[in-house]
Amino acid sequence: MPEYHSHDQLQGRPHRYERNQHRARRTALAIHTIADVAAGILILWILLHLLGANEANVFVEFVHGTADWLAWWSQDIFTMDTEGVRVLLNYGLPALLYLLLGHGISARLNRA
């Protein structure tokens, strides 16, 4: 009968649910990766600062500038006298939040 689709015709096309699930997984992976990279840069800056890296070095300047950009909203939340503790808290907080939010959103998308 021409008005009914046979099962063989539908097998060649992915179903909408499977396509949406695949798209959600790719989006979740992208969010997960972006959160990891952002937290990694912030942690790298903390380590470079605590280890006394040469801040005139191009790589160290790049990491510091990127970390400042990522942590703009948390600058000077903590105003400690000790520079190392201040950097640890002011850059560690956004790193932790990026990890928690990124991984949480990613897990939620993977369940959808």
N, C-alpha and C. Protein backbone atom coordinates (compact mmCIF):
# COMPACT_ATOMS: atom_id res chain seq x y z
N MET A 1 0.84 -1.17 0.00
CA MET A 1 0.00 0.00 0.00
C MET A 1 0.89 1.24 0.00
N PRO A 2 0.65 2.18 -0.85
CA PRO A 2 1.53 3.33 -0.99
C PRO A 2 1.48 4.29 0.20
N GLU A 3 0.38 4.39 0.95
CA GLU A 3 0.31 5.36 2.04
C GLU A 3 1.04 4.89 3.30
N TYR A 4 1.42 3.66 3.39
CA TYR A 4 2.15 3.15 4.56
C TYR A 4 3.63 3.01 4.23
N HIS A 5 4.49 3.41 5.18
CA HIS A 5 5.93 3.27 4.99
C HIS A 5 6.35 1.91 5.50
N SER A 6 7.17 1.27 4.75
CA SER A 6 7.66 -0.02 5.21
C SER A 6 8.76 0.21 6.24
N HIS A 7 9.02 -0.80 7.03
CA HIS A 7 10.05 -0.74 8.06
C HIS A 7 11.43 -0.54 7.43
N ASP A 8 11.66 -1.08 6.26
CA ASP A 8 12.95 -0.96 5.59
C ASP A 8 13.25 0.49 5.19
N GLN A 9 12.24 1.28 4.86
CA GLN A 9 12.47 2.65 4.46
C GLN A 9 12.90 3.50 5.66
N LEU A 10 12.43 3.20 6.86
CA LEU A 10 12.76 3.98 8.04
C LEU A 10 14.12 3.62 8.62
N GLN A 11 14.63 2.43 8.30
CA GLN A 11 15.90 2.02 8.88
C GLN A 11 17.07 2.85 8.38
N GLY A 12 17.02 3.36 7.20
CA GLY A 12 18.11 4.12 6.64
C GLY A 12 18.25 5.51 7.25
N ARG A 13 17.20 6.05 7.82
CA ARG A 13 17.23 7.40 8.38
C ARG A 13 17.33 7.33 9.90
N PRO A 14 18.23 8.14 10.50
CA PRO A 14 18.28 8.17 11.96
C PRO A 14 17.02 8.84 12.51
N HIS A 15 16.56 8.35 13.60
CA HIS A 15 15.37 8.92 14.22
C HIS A 15 15.71 10.24 14.89
N ARG A 16 14.72 11.09 15.03
CA ARG A 16 14.91 12.41 15.62
C ARG A 16 15.49 12.31 17.04
N TYR A 17 15.01 11.36 17.82
CA TYR A 17 15.50 11.20 19.19
C TYR A 17 17.00 10.89 19.20
N GLU A 18 17.43 10.00 18.33
CA GLU A 18 18.85 9.64 18.27
C GLU A 18 19.70 10.82 17.82
N ARG A 19 19.21 11.62 16.87
CA ARG A 19 19.95 12.80 16.43
C ARG A 19 20.06 13.82 17.55
N ASN A 20 18.96 14.04 18.26
CA ASN A 20 18.98 14.99 19.37
C ASN A 20 19.89 14.51 20.49
N GLN A 21 19.88 13.23 20.75
CA GLN A 21 20.75 12.67 21.78
C GLN A 21 22.21 12.82 21.39
N HIS A 22 22.53 12.59 20.14
CA HIS A 22 23.90 12.75 19.64
C HIS A 22 24.33 14.22 19.75
N ARG A 23 23.44 15.14 19.39
CA ARG A 23 23.73 16.57 19.47
C ARG A 23 23.94 16.99 20.93
N ALA A 24 23.12 16.47 21.83
CA ALA A 24 23.26 16.80 23.26
C ALA A 24 24.59 16.29 23.80
N ARG A 25 25.00 15.11 23.38
CA ARG A 25 26.28 14.56 23.84
C ARG A 25 27.46 15.38 23.32
N ARG A 26 27.38 15.82 22.07
CA ARG A 26 28.46 16.66 21.53
C ARG A 26 28.52 18.00 22.25
N THR A 27 27.37 18.58 22.53
CA THR A 27 27.32 19.84 23.28
C THR A 27 27.86 19.65 24.68
N ALA A 28 27.49 18.55 25.33
CA ALA A 28 27.98 18.25 26.67
C ALA A 28 29.50 18.10 26.67
N LEU A 29 30.03 17.43 25.67
CA LEU A 29 31.48 17.26 25.58
C LEU A 29 32.18 18.61 25.39
N ALA A 30 31.59 19.47 24.58
CA ALA A 30 32.18 20.80 24.35
C ALA A 30 32.17 21.62 25.64
N ILE A 31 31.07 21.61 26.36
CA ILE A 31 30.98 22.36 27.62
C ILE A 31 31.96 21.80 28.64
N HIS A 32 32.04 20.50 28.73
CA HIS A 32 32.96 19.82 29.64
C HIS A 32 34.40 20.22 29.33
N THR A 33 34.76 20.22 28.06
CA THR A 33 36.11 20.55 27.63
C THR A 33 36.45 22.02 27.90
N ILE A 34 35.52 22.91 27.60
CA ILE A 34 35.74 24.34 27.83
C ILE A 34 35.94 24.61 29.32
N ALA A 35 35.14 23.98 30.16
CA ALA A 35 35.28 24.15 31.61
C ALA A 35 36.63 23.64 32.09
N ASP A 36 37.06 22.50 31.57
CA ASP A 36 38.36 21.94 31.96
C ASP A 36 39.51 22.84 31.54
N VAL A 37 39.44 23.37 30.32
CA VAL A 37 40.50 24.25 29.83
C VAL A 37 40.55 25.54 30.65
N ALA A 38 39.39 26.12 30.93
CA ALA A 38 39.35 27.35 31.72
C ALA A 38 39.93 27.12 33.11
N ALA A 39 39.51 26.05 33.76
CA ALA A 39 40.05 25.74 35.09
C ALA A 39 41.54 25.43 35.02
N GLY A 40 41.96 24.75 33.97
CA GLY A 40 43.38 24.43 33.80
C GLY A 40 44.24 25.67 33.67
N ILE A 41 43.76 26.65 32.92
CA ILE A 41 44.51 27.91 32.77
C ILE A 41 44.61 28.64 34.11
N LEU A 42 43.51 28.67 34.84
CA LEU A 42 43.52 29.34 36.14
C LEU A 42 44.46 28.63 37.11
N ILE A 43 44.43 27.33 37.13
CA ILE A 43 45.32 26.55 38.01
C ILE A 43 46.77 26.73 37.59
N LEU A 44 47.01 26.77 36.28
CA LEU A 44 48.37 26.99 35.78
C LEU A 44 48.90 28.34 36.24
N TRP A 45 48.06 29.37 36.19
CA TRP A 45 48.51 30.68 36.65
C TRP A 45 48.82 30.66 38.14
N ILE A 46 47.98 30.00 38.92
CA ILE A 46 48.24 29.90 40.36
C ILE A 46 49.60 29.24 40.59
N LEU A 47 49.86 28.15 39.89
CA LEU A 47 51.14 27.45 40.06
C LEU A 47 52.31 28.31 39.61
N LEU A 48 52.18 28.97 38.47
CA LEU A 48 53.26 29.82 37.99
C LEU A 48 53.55 30.95 38.97
N HIS A 49 52.50 31.53 39.53
CA HIS A 49 52.68 32.62 40.48
C HIS A 49 53.33 32.11 41.77
N LEU A 50 52.82 31.00 42.29
CA LEU A 50 53.36 30.48 43.55
C LEU A 50 54.80 29.99 43.41
N LEU A 51 55.17 29.52 42.21
CA LEU A 51 56.52 29.03 41.98
C LEU A 51 57.48 30.16 41.56
N GLY A 52 56.96 31.38 41.45
CA GLY A 52 57.81 32.53 41.15
C GLY A 52 58.27 32.59 39.71
N ALA A 53 57.40 32.26 38.78
CA ALA A 53 57.76 32.30 37.36
C ALA A 53 58.05 33.74 36.93
N ASN A 54 58.91 33.87 35.93
CA ASN A 54 59.29 35.18 35.39
C ASN A 54 58.09 35.78 34.66
N GLU A 55 57.50 36.82 35.22
CA GLU A 55 56.29 37.41 34.64
C GLU A 55 56.58 38.23 33.39
N ALA A 56 57.83 38.42 33.04
CA ALA A 56 58.18 39.09 31.78
C ALA A 56 58.21 38.10 30.62
N ASN A 57 58.15 36.81 30.89
CA ASN A 57 58.14 35.78 29.87
C ASN A 57 56.81 35.85 29.10
N VAL A 58 56.88 35.65 27.79
CA VAL A 58 55.69 35.76 26.94
C VAL A 58 54.62 34.74 27.33
N PHE A 59 55.04 33.51 27.58
CA PHE A 59 54.08 32.46 27.95
C PHE A 59 53.40 32.80 29.28
N VAL A 60 54.19 33.22 30.26
CA VAL A 60 53.65 33.56 31.57
C VAL A 60 52.71 34.76 31.45
N GLU A 61 53.06 35.74 30.63
CA GLU A 61 52.18 36.89 30.39
C GLU A 61 50.86 36.45 29.77
N PHE A 62 50.93 35.52 28.81
CA PHE A 62 49.72 35.01 28.17
C PHE A 62 48.83 34.30 29.18
N VAL A 63 49.41 33.43 29.98
CA VAL A 63 48.63 32.68 30.97
C VAL A 63 48.03 33.65 31.98
N HIS A 64 48.80 34.64 32.43
CA HIS A 64 48.30 35.61 33.39
C HIS A 64 47.16 36.44 32.80
N GLY A 65 47.32 36.90 31.58
CA GLY A 65 46.26 37.68 30.93
C GLY A 65 44.99 36.88 30.73
N THR A 66 45.14 35.63 30.32
CA THR A 66 43.98 34.77 30.13
C THR A 66 43.30 34.47 31.46
N ALA A 67 44.10 34.22 32.49
CA ALA A 67 43.54 33.96 33.82
C ALA A 67 42.82 35.20 34.34
N ASP A 68 43.38 36.38 34.11
CA ASP A 68 42.70 37.61 34.52
C ASP A 68 41.36 37.76 33.80
N TRP A 69 41.34 37.44 32.52
CA TRP A 69 40.11 37.53 31.74
C TRP A 69 39.06 36.54 32.27
N LEU A 70 39.48 35.32 32.59
CA LEU A 70 38.56 34.30 33.08
C LEU A 70 38.06 34.60 34.49
N ALA A 71 38.88 35.27 35.28
CA ALA A 71 38.54 35.51 36.69
C ALA A 71 38.22 36.97 36.97
N TRP A 72 37.80 37.72 35.97
CA TRP A 72 37.53 39.15 36.16
C TRP A 72 36.50 39.39 37.25
N TRP A 73 35.52 38.51 37.33
CA TRP A 73 34.41 38.71 38.26
C TRP A 73 34.79 38.39 39.71
N SER A 74 35.89 37.70 39.91
CA SER A 74 36.24 37.30 41.28
C SER A 74 37.47 38.04 41.80
N GLN A 75 37.96 39.00 41.04
CA GLN A 75 39.14 39.73 41.48
C GLN A 75 38.85 40.51 42.75
N ASP A 76 39.75 40.38 43.69
CA ASP A 76 39.69 41.08 44.97
C ASP A 76 38.49 40.73 45.84
N ILE A 77 37.94 39.53 45.65
CA ILE A 77 36.95 39.05 46.62
C ILE A 77 37.65 38.84 47.95
N PHE A 78 38.83 38.26 47.86
CA PHE A 78 39.64 38.02 49.05
C PHE A 78 40.83 38.98 49.02
N THR A 79 40.99 39.76 50.07
CA THR A 79 42.10 40.72 50.13
C THR A 79 43.00 40.35 51.31
N MET A 80 43.83 39.38 51.09
CA MET A 80 44.75 38.91 52.12
C MET A 80 46.05 39.70 52.05
N ASP A 81 46.76 39.73 53.13
CA ASP A 81 48.08 40.37 53.14
C ASP A 81 49.10 39.53 52.39
N THR A 82 48.95 38.22 52.48
CA THR A 82 49.88 37.31 51.81
C THR A 82 49.48 37.18 50.34
N GLU A 83 50.38 37.56 49.44
CA GLU A 83 50.09 37.56 48.00
C GLU A 83 49.74 36.17 47.48
N GLY A 84 50.47 35.16 47.92
CA GLY A 84 50.22 33.80 47.43
C GLY A 84 48.83 33.30 47.80
N VAL A 85 48.38 33.55 49.01
CA VAL A 85 47.05 33.12 49.45
C VAL A 85 45.98 33.90 48.69
N ARG A 86 46.22 35.19 48.47
CA ARG A 86 45.27 36.02 47.72
C ARG A 86 45.09 35.50 46.30
N VAL A 87 46.20 35.18 45.62
CA VAL A 87 46.12 34.65 44.26
C VAL A 87 45.44 33.28 44.26
N LEU A 88 45.79 32.45 45.21
CA LEU A 88 45.18 31.12 45.30
C LEU A 88 43.66 31.22 45.44
N LEU A 89 43.19 32.09 46.32
CA LEU A 89 41.74 32.20 46.53
C LEU A 89 41.03 32.92 45.39
N ASN A 90 41.61 34.01 44.89
CA ASN A 90 40.94 34.80 43.85
C ASN A 90 40.91 34.10 42.49
N TYR A 91 41.84 33.20 42.23
CA TYR A 91 41.84 32.44 40.98
C TYR A 91 41.35 31.01 41.19
N GLY A 92 41.48 30.50 42.40
CA GLY A 92 41.01 29.15 42.70
C GLY A 92 39.50 29.05 42.73
N LEU A 93 38.84 30.08 43.25
CA LEU A 93 37.38 30.08 43.31
C LEU A 93 36.75 29.97 41.91
N PRO A 94 37.16 30.80 40.94
CA PRO A 94 36.57 30.64 39.61
C PRO A 94 36.93 29.29 38.98
N ALA A 95 38.13 28.78 39.23
CA ALA A 95 38.49 27.47 38.68
C ALA A 95 37.55 26.41 39.20
N LEU A 96 37.29 26.44 40.50
CA LEU A 96 36.38 25.47 41.11
C LEU A 96 34.96 25.62 40.56
N LEU A 97 34.50 26.85 40.44
CA LEU A 97 33.15 27.07 39.92
C LEU A 97 33.02 26.65 38.46
N TYR A 98 34.04 26.94 37.64
CA TYR A 98 33.98 26.51 36.25
C TYR A 98 33.91 24.98 36.15
N LEU A 99 34.69 24.31 36.98
CA LEU A 99 34.64 22.85 36.97
C LEU A 99 33.28 22.32 37.41
N LEU A 100 32.77 22.85 38.51
CA LEU A 100 31.47 22.37 39.02
C LEU A 100 30.34 22.66 38.04
N LEU A 101 30.28 23.88 37.54
CA LEU A 101 29.21 24.23 36.61
C LEU A 101 29.34 23.50 35.27
N GLY A 102 30.55 23.48 34.73
CA GLY A 102 30.76 22.81 33.45
C GLY A 102 30.46 21.34 33.50
N HIS A 103 30.93 20.67 34.53
CA HIS A 103 30.69 19.23 34.65
C HIS A 103 29.23 18.95 34.99
N GLY A 104 28.61 19.82 35.79
CA GLY A 104 27.19 19.65 36.11
C GLY A 104 26.31 19.80 34.90
N ILE A 105 26.54 20.84 34.11
CA ILE A 105 25.75 21.05 32.89
C ILE A 105 25.99 19.91 31.91
N SER A 106 27.22 19.49 31.80
CA SER A 106 27.56 18.38 30.90
C SER A 106 26.85 17.10 31.32
N ALA A 107 26.84 16.80 32.61
CA ALA A 107 26.15 15.59 33.09
C ALA A 107 24.66 15.68 32.84
N ARG A 108 24.09 16.85 33.03
CA ARG A 108 22.66 17.04 32.80
C ARG A 108 22.31 16.85 31.32
N LEU A 109 23.13 17.37 30.44
CA LEU A 109 22.89 17.19 29.00
C LEU A 109 23.04 15.73 28.58
N ASN A 110 23.97 15.01 29.19
CA ASN A 110 24.16 13.61 28.84
C ASN A 110 22.98 12.75 29.28
N ARG A 111 22.27 13.18 30.32
CA ARG A 111 21.09 12.44 30.79
C ARG A 111 19.86 12.73 29.97
N ALA A 112 19.87 13.85 29.25
CA ALA A 112 18.68 14.27 28.51
C ALA A 112 18.42 13.37 27.32
